[in-house]
Amino acid sequence: MEIQHLKHYQIDTAKWDSAIENSELPLFYALSWYLDIVSPDWEALVYGDYEAVMPLTVKSKYGLQYIIQPDFAQQLGFFCKAKFSNVYNDFIRKTSELYKYSNIQLNYKNLAITNYNFQTRINCELNLSKTFQDIFKNYNTNTKRNISKANKNNLEFVKDLCKSDLIQFTKRNSIENLSKTQFRNLEQIIIESEKQGVGQGYGILNEKKELLAVAFLINKYNRLTYLVSASNAEGKEKRAGFYLMNELLKLNAESNKIFDFEGGNFPNTASFYKGFGAVEIKYYGLKINKLPWLLQFFKR
């Protein structure tokens, strides 16, 4: 069977979502409703009757189509049931044939291939099968110290935080300086994931019932993904971020889920996550650049 290249309108979304759901490593990033938000014109490579699939997050510039990793989608790449993993190399080769430029992040199951430019990336995860007491034992000294300081500030943990409060707080206090487009996409993700029954917001309040820190988690495929977080100046001073993470882990201890911190490539964030006992998990980025020299210059 050949690998088909399908334009967006040709994709059977029901079969697509079933393929992701039944793959070796299902990730919500690759579901059709999520891709429709982060990469509205996404295309696809499909093998057989959706036995193996790969989203192509296509963009255009100067009349050139290329693939770029969309914001808020840490890992995409190739998805299949185990018995179809042998066509993975063919998917990468097909991608290279179709597009002169690709810069994408694959998922844990996708290995590096010789003769392609793969870069190792790091994500941090924590297994929540243990009791909270056992999880807490693995916190480092600095994290325990900051939680102890936070406990003296009369903070309050809030579940099911109103999405409008979450969105507005994130807009005012995000350290990532999101563009209007990025923030609009994030807002859509929060709204749609709540509709899908997989998203939930959390917050930390001070004694005056004012928000100091927020987090938004997506609960899907036995993973809790820490998609959004923000703290204001008072929240940082009162260690609200440490308090919030501690409460989230306490709430979900013994759930047999994986807490996916959704980061680890930057030392400061990795240090924060590892302070709670998170371990590093490797995945790969893939860069294909066959552009003419002049276009490569503009691409940089």
Protein backbone atom coordinates (compact mmCIF):
# COMPACT_ATOMS: atom_id res chain seq x y z
CA MET A 1 0.00 0.00 0.00
CA GLU A 2 1.16 3.51 -0.75
CA ILE A 3 1.24 6.40 1.64
CA GLN A 4 -1.41 8.95 0.68
CA HIS A 5 -0.91 12.69 0.99
CA LEU A 6 -4.29 14.15 1.92
CA LYS A 7 -5.27 17.79 1.87
CA HIS A 8 -7.25 19.06 4.84
CA TYR A 9 -10.66 18.64 3.20
CA GLN A 10 -9.87 15.03 2.23
CA ILE A 11 -9.20 13.82 5.78
CA ASP A 12 -11.80 11.57 7.39
CA THR A 13 -11.64 13.04 10.90
CA ALA A 14 -13.53 10.15 12.50
CA LYS A 15 -11.01 7.63 11.13
CA TRP A 16 -8.17 10.01 11.96
CA ASP A 17 -9.16 10.36 15.61
CA SER A 18 -9.67 6.61 15.87
CA ALA A 19 -6.14 6.09 14.51
CA ILE A 20 -4.70 8.41 17.16
CA GLU A 21 -6.84 6.86 19.91
CA ASN A 22 -5.65 3.33 19.05
CA SER A 23 -1.99 4.12 18.40
CA GLU A 24 0.94 3.00 20.55
CA LEU A 25 1.18 6.47 22.07
CA PRO A 26 -2.06 8.46 21.76
CA LEU A 27 -1.56 12.20 22.33
CA PHE A 28 -4.28 14.84 22.35
CA TYR A 29 -2.06 17.18 20.31
CA ALA A 30 -2.77 15.02 17.26
CA LEU A 31 -6.57 14.87 17.57
CA SER A 32 -8.43 16.61 14.75
CA TRP A 33 -10.17 19.19 16.95
CA TYR A 34 -6.86 20.23 18.49
CA LEU A 35 -5.03 20.43 15.16
CA ASP A 36 -7.90 22.51 13.75
CA ILE A 37 -7.06 25.14 16.36
CA VAL A 38 -3.25 25.14 16.30
CA SER A 39 -2.81 24.49 12.56
CA PRO A 40 -6.12 25.12 10.74
CA ASP A 41 -4.87 24.03 7.29
CA TRP A 42 -3.13 20.86 8.45
CA GLU A 43 -2.72 18.07 5.96
CA ALA A 44 -1.86 14.41 6.50
CA LEU A 45 0.06 11.35 5.43
CA VAL A 46 -2.09 8.23 5.69
CA TYR A 47 -1.15 4.59 5.19
CA GLY A 48 -3.87 2.11 4.21
CA ASP A 49 -7.21 2.66 5.92
CA TYR A 50 -5.68 5.00 8.55
CA GLU A 51 -3.53 2.22 10.01
CA ALA A 52 -0.66 4.70 10.27
CA VAL A 53 -0.90 8.49 10.11
CA MET A 54 1.14 11.66 10.42
CA PRO A 55 -0.18 15.23 10.62
CA LEU A 56 1.49 17.80 8.40
CA THR A 57 1.23 21.21 10.02
CA VAL A 58 1.65 23.19 6.84
CA LYS A 59 2.21 26.92 6.49
CA SER A 60 3.00 29.11 3.48
CA LYS A 61 5.42 31.99 3.00
CA TYR A 62 6.62 33.67 -0.20
CA GLY A 63 4.57 31.09 -2.11
CA LEU A 64 6.48 28.24 -0.44
CA GLN A 65 4.77 25.53 1.59
CA TYR A 66 6.69 24.21 4.58
CA ILE A 67 6.03 22.37 7.84
CA ILE A 68 6.56 24.00 11.20
CA GLN A 69 5.67 22.84 14.71
CA PRO A 70 2.61 24.79 15.90
CA ASP A 71 2.51 26.49 19.27
CA PHE A 72 0.89 24.49 22.11
CA ALA A 73 1.63 21.15 20.41
CA GLN A 74 4.81 19.79 21.92
CA GLN A 75 4.84 16.44 20.12
CA LEU A 76 3.30 15.25 16.87
CA GLY A 77 4.92 12.99 14.27
CA PHE A 78 4.06 9.43 13.29
CA PHE A 79 1.22 7.47 14.97
CA CYS A 80 0.31 3.82 14.42
CA LYS A 81 -0.46 0.49 16.03
CA ALA A 82 2.70 -1.47 16.85
CA LYS A 83 2.44 -3.81 13.85
CA PHE A 84 2.61 -0.90 11.40
CA SER A 85 5.72 0.74 12.89
CA ASN A 86 7.84 -0.58 10.00
CA VAL A 87 6.47 2.15 7.69
CA TYR A 88 7.81 4.98 9.89
CA ASN A 89 10.93 5.47 7.74
CA ASP A 90 8.73 5.75 4.65
CA PHE A 91 6.70 8.52 6.29
CA ILE A 92 9.84 10.54 7.03
CA ARG A 93 11.12 10.03 3.48
CA LYS A 94 7.73 11.05 2.06
CA THR A 95 7.77 14.22 4.16
CA SER A 96 11.22 15.04 2.83
CA GLU A 97 10.01 14.54 -0.74
CA LEU A 98 6.94 16.74 -0.33
CA TYR A 99 8.46 19.72 1.50
CA LYS A 100 11.83 21.40 1.08
CA TYR A 101 11.68 22.71 4.63
CA SER A 102 10.35 21.00 7.77
CA ASN A 103 11.07 21.77 11.40
CA ILE A 104 8.93 19.53 13.56
CA GLN A 105 8.90 17.71 16.89
CA LEU A 106 8.09 14.03 16.87
CA ASN A 107 6.76 11.90 19.72
CA TYR A 108 8.43 9.49 22.14
CA LYS A 109 7.85 6.49 19.89
CA ASN A 110 9.55 8.07 16.86
CA LEU A 111 13.26 7.26 16.76
CA ALA A 112 16.09 9.09 15.03
CA ILE A 113 16.97 7.88 11.53
CA THR A 114 20.44 7.94 9.99
CA ASN A 115 20.98 10.57 7.26
CA TYR A 116 18.37 12.95 8.68
CA ASN A 117 18.93 15.90 11.00
CA PHE A 118 17.42 14.85 14.33
CA GLN A 119 17.88 16.84 17.56
CA THR A 120 17.32 15.39 21.03
CA ARG A 121 14.73 17.24 23.11
CA ILE A 122 13.73 16.78 26.73
CA ASN A 123 10.36 16.55 28.45
CA CYS A 124 9.79 16.08 32.18
CA GLU A 125 7.28 13.58 33.56
CA LEU A 126 6.21 12.17 36.92
CA ASN A 127 4.49 8.85 37.55
CA LEU A 128 1.50 9.38 39.85
CA SER A 129 0.98 5.75 40.84
CA LYS A 130 2.55 6.26 44.29
CA THR A 131 0.98 7.75 47.41
CA PHE A 132 1.42 11.47 47.89
CA GLN A 133 3.69 10.80 50.86
CA ASP A 134 6.03 8.81 48.60
CA ILE A 135 5.87 11.44 45.86
CA PHE A 136 6.67 14.17 48.40
CA LYS A 137 9.73 12.24 49.63
CA ASN A 138 11.28 12.69 46.18
CA TYR A 139 10.97 16.48 46.21
CA ASN A 140 14.35 18.16 46.50
CA THR A 141 15.31 20.34 49.48
CA ASN A 142 14.69 23.63 47.68
CA THR A 143 11.18 22.61 46.62
CA LYS A 144 10.26 21.49 50.14
CA ARG A 145 11.60 24.77 51.52
CA ASN A 146 9.51 26.83 49.09
CA ILE A 147 6.36 24.84 49.88
CA SER A 148 7.00 25.40 53.58
CA LYS A 149 7.20 29.16 52.94
CA ALA A 150 4.02 29.06 50.83
CA ASN A 151 2.15 27.24 53.62
CA LYS A 152 2.65 30.27 55.88
CA ASN A 153 0.82 32.61 53.48
CA ASN A 154 -2.78 31.42 53.97
CA LEU A 155 -3.15 30.41 50.33
CA GLU A 156 -6.23 28.69 48.96
CA PHE A 157 -6.29 26.06 46.19
CA VAL A 158 -9.21 26.35 43.76
CA LYS A 159 -10.42 23.61 41.41
CA ASP A 160 -12.62 24.24 38.35
CA LEU A 161 -11.38 27.81 38.00
CA CYS A 162 -13.66 29.90 35.79
CA LYS A 163 -12.15 29.88 32.29
CA SER A 164 -12.63 33.61 31.78
CA ASP A 165 -10.65 34.30 35.00
CA LEU A 166 -7.98 31.85 33.88
CA ILE A 167 -7.71 33.39 30.40
CA GLN A 168 -7.55 36.98 31.60
CA PHE A 169 -5.02 36.20 34.34
CA THR A 170 -2.81 34.34 31.85
CA LYS A 171 -3.06 37.22 29.40
CA ARG A 172 -1.83 39.67 32.05
CA ASN A 173 0.86 37.50 33.61
CA SER A 174 2.25 35.12 31.00
CA ILE A 175 6.06 35.22 30.88
CA GLU A 176 6.05 34.09 27.26
CA ASN A 177 4.81 37.38 25.73
CA LEU A 178 2.26 35.67 23.53
CA SER A 179 1.26 37.34 20.28
CA LYS A 180 -2.40 38.10 19.58
CA THR A 181 -2.63 35.02 17.36
CA GLN A 182 -0.98 32.78 19.95
CA PHE A 183 -3.23 34.04 22.70
CA ARG A 184 -6.34 33.63 20.54
CA ASN A 185 -5.33 30.01 19.85
CA LEU A 186 -4.70 29.40 23.54
CA GLU A 187 -8.10 30.81 24.39
CA GLN A 188 -9.72 28.49 21.84
CA ILE A 189 -7.82 25.51 23.26
CA ILE A 190 -9.04 26.27 26.78
CA ILE A 191 -12.65 26.72 25.66
CA GLU A 192 -12.74 23.69 23.34
CA SER A 193 -10.92 21.33 25.70
CA GLU A 194 -13.46 22.13 28.40
CA LYS A 195 -16.25 21.37 25.89
CA GLN A 196 -14.51 18.08 25.13
CA GLY A 197 -14.47 17.32 28.86
CA VAL A 198 -10.69 17.05 29.04
CA GLY A 199 -9.58 20.49 30.27
CA GLN A 200 -9.65 21.96 33.76
CA GLY A 201 -8.35 25.17 35.30
CA TYR A 202 -6.89 25.58 38.78
CA GLY A 203 -5.86 28.60 40.80
CA ILE A 204 -4.31 29.88 43.99
CA LEU A 205 -6.00 32.69 45.94
CA ASN A 206 -4.67 34.97 48.65
CA GLU A 207 -6.57 35.94 51.80
CA LYS A 208 -8.49 38.58 49.81
CA LYS A 209 -9.65 35.92 47.31
CA GLU A 210 -7.41 37.43 44.62
CA LEU A 211 -5.76 35.17 42.06
CA LEU A 212 -2.01 34.73 42.49
CA ALA A 213 -1.33 31.78 40.16
CA VAL A 214 -3.17 29.62 37.64
CA ALA A 215 -2.68 26.37 35.76
CA PHE A 216 -4.64 24.62 33.03
CA LEU A 217 -4.36 20.85 32.63
CA ILE A 218 -5.56 18.55 29.89
CA ASN A 219 -6.56 15.11 31.15
CA LYS A 220 -6.47 12.66 28.25
CA TYR A 221 -5.07 9.20 27.57
CA ASN A 222 -4.03 8.68 31.19
CA ARG A 223 -1.84 11.78 31.09
CA LEU A 224 -2.26 15.09 32.90
CA THR A 225 -0.58 17.69 30.72
CA TYR A 226 0.46 20.96 32.34
CA LEU A 227 -0.43 23.09 29.33
CA VAL A 228 -0.65 26.60 30.83
CA SER A 229 0.68 28.26 33.97
CA ALA A 230 1.17 31.83 35.17
CA SER A 231 1.89 33.72 38.39
CA ASN A 232 1.75 37.41 39.20
CA ALA A 233 4.32 39.33 41.29
CA GLU A 234 2.58 38.57 44.59
CA GLY A 235 2.23 34.93 43.58
CA LYS A 236 5.96 34.64 42.96
CA GLU A 237 6.74 36.33 46.27
CA LYS A 238 4.41 33.98 48.16
CA ARG A 239 5.60 30.87 46.28
CA ALA A 240 2.12 30.29 44.84
CA GLY A 241 3.52 28.29 41.91
CA PHE A 242 5.13 25.78 44.28
CA TYR A 243 1.94 25.61 46.34
CA LEU A 244 -0.17 25.03 43.22
CA MET A 245 2.02 22.25 41.86
CA ASN A 246 2.11 20.54 45.25
CA GLU A 247 -1.70 20.62 45.45
CA LEU A 248 -2.04 19.26 41.90
CA LEU A 249 0.22 16.32 42.68
CA LYS A 250 -1.57 15.72 45.99
CA LEU A 251 -4.92 15.75 44.19
CA ASN A 252 -3.82 13.21 41.58
CA ALA A 253 -1.59 10.90 43.62
CA GLU A 254 -2.38 7.17 43.26
CA SER A 255 -4.21 7.85 39.99
CA ASN A 256 -1.76 5.75 37.92
CA LYS A 257 -1.56 8.66 35.51
CA ILE A 258 1.51 10.42 34.16
CA PHE A 259 1.93 14.08 35.07
CA ASP A 260 3.36 15.64 31.92
CA PHE A 261 5.10 18.92 32.76
CA GLU A 262 5.30 19.66 29.02
CA GLY A 263 8.78 21.12 29.16
CA GLY A 264 12.36 20.48 30.09
CA ASN A 265 14.58 22.00 27.41
CA PHE A 266 15.21 25.19 29.39
CA PRO A 267 17.32 24.91 32.57
CA ASN A 268 15.12 27.07 34.83
CA THR A 269 11.87 25.29 34.06
CA ALA A 270 13.55 21.88 34.07
CA SER A 271 14.97 22.64 37.52
CA PHE A 272 11.50 23.57 38.82
CA TYR A 273 9.96 20.35 37.47
CA LYS A 274 12.80 18.10 38.67
CA GLY A 275 12.40 19.63 42.11
CA PHE A 276 9.10 17.73 42.31
CA GLY A 277 10.75 14.47 41.33
CA ALA A 278 10.13 14.65 37.59
CA VAL A 279 12.36 12.56 35.33
CA GLU A 280 13.66 13.40 31.86
CA ILE A 281 12.10 11.71 28.83
CA LYS A 282 13.78 12.13 25.45
CA TYR A 283 12.06 12.80 22.15
CA TYR A 284 13.31 14.12 18.82
CA GLY A 285 13.00 17.15 16.64
CA LEU A 286 13.44 16.72 12.89
CA LYS A 287 14.77 19.42 10.61
CA ILE A 288 14.81 19.06 6.83
CA ASN A 289 16.23 21.97 4.86
CA LYS A 290 16.59 21.61 1.09
CA LEU A 291 15.90 25.24 0.27
CA PRO A 292 18.05 27.11 -2.25
CA TRP A 293 20.80 29.13 -0.56
CA LEU A 294 19.03 32.49 -0.83
CA LEU A 295 15.79 31.16 0.65
CA GLN A 296 17.76 29.54 3.47
CA PHE A 297 19.14 32.97 4.28
CA PHE A 298 15.63 34.47 4.53
CA LYS A 299 14.42 31.46 6.55
CA ARG A 300 17.07 32.08 9.18
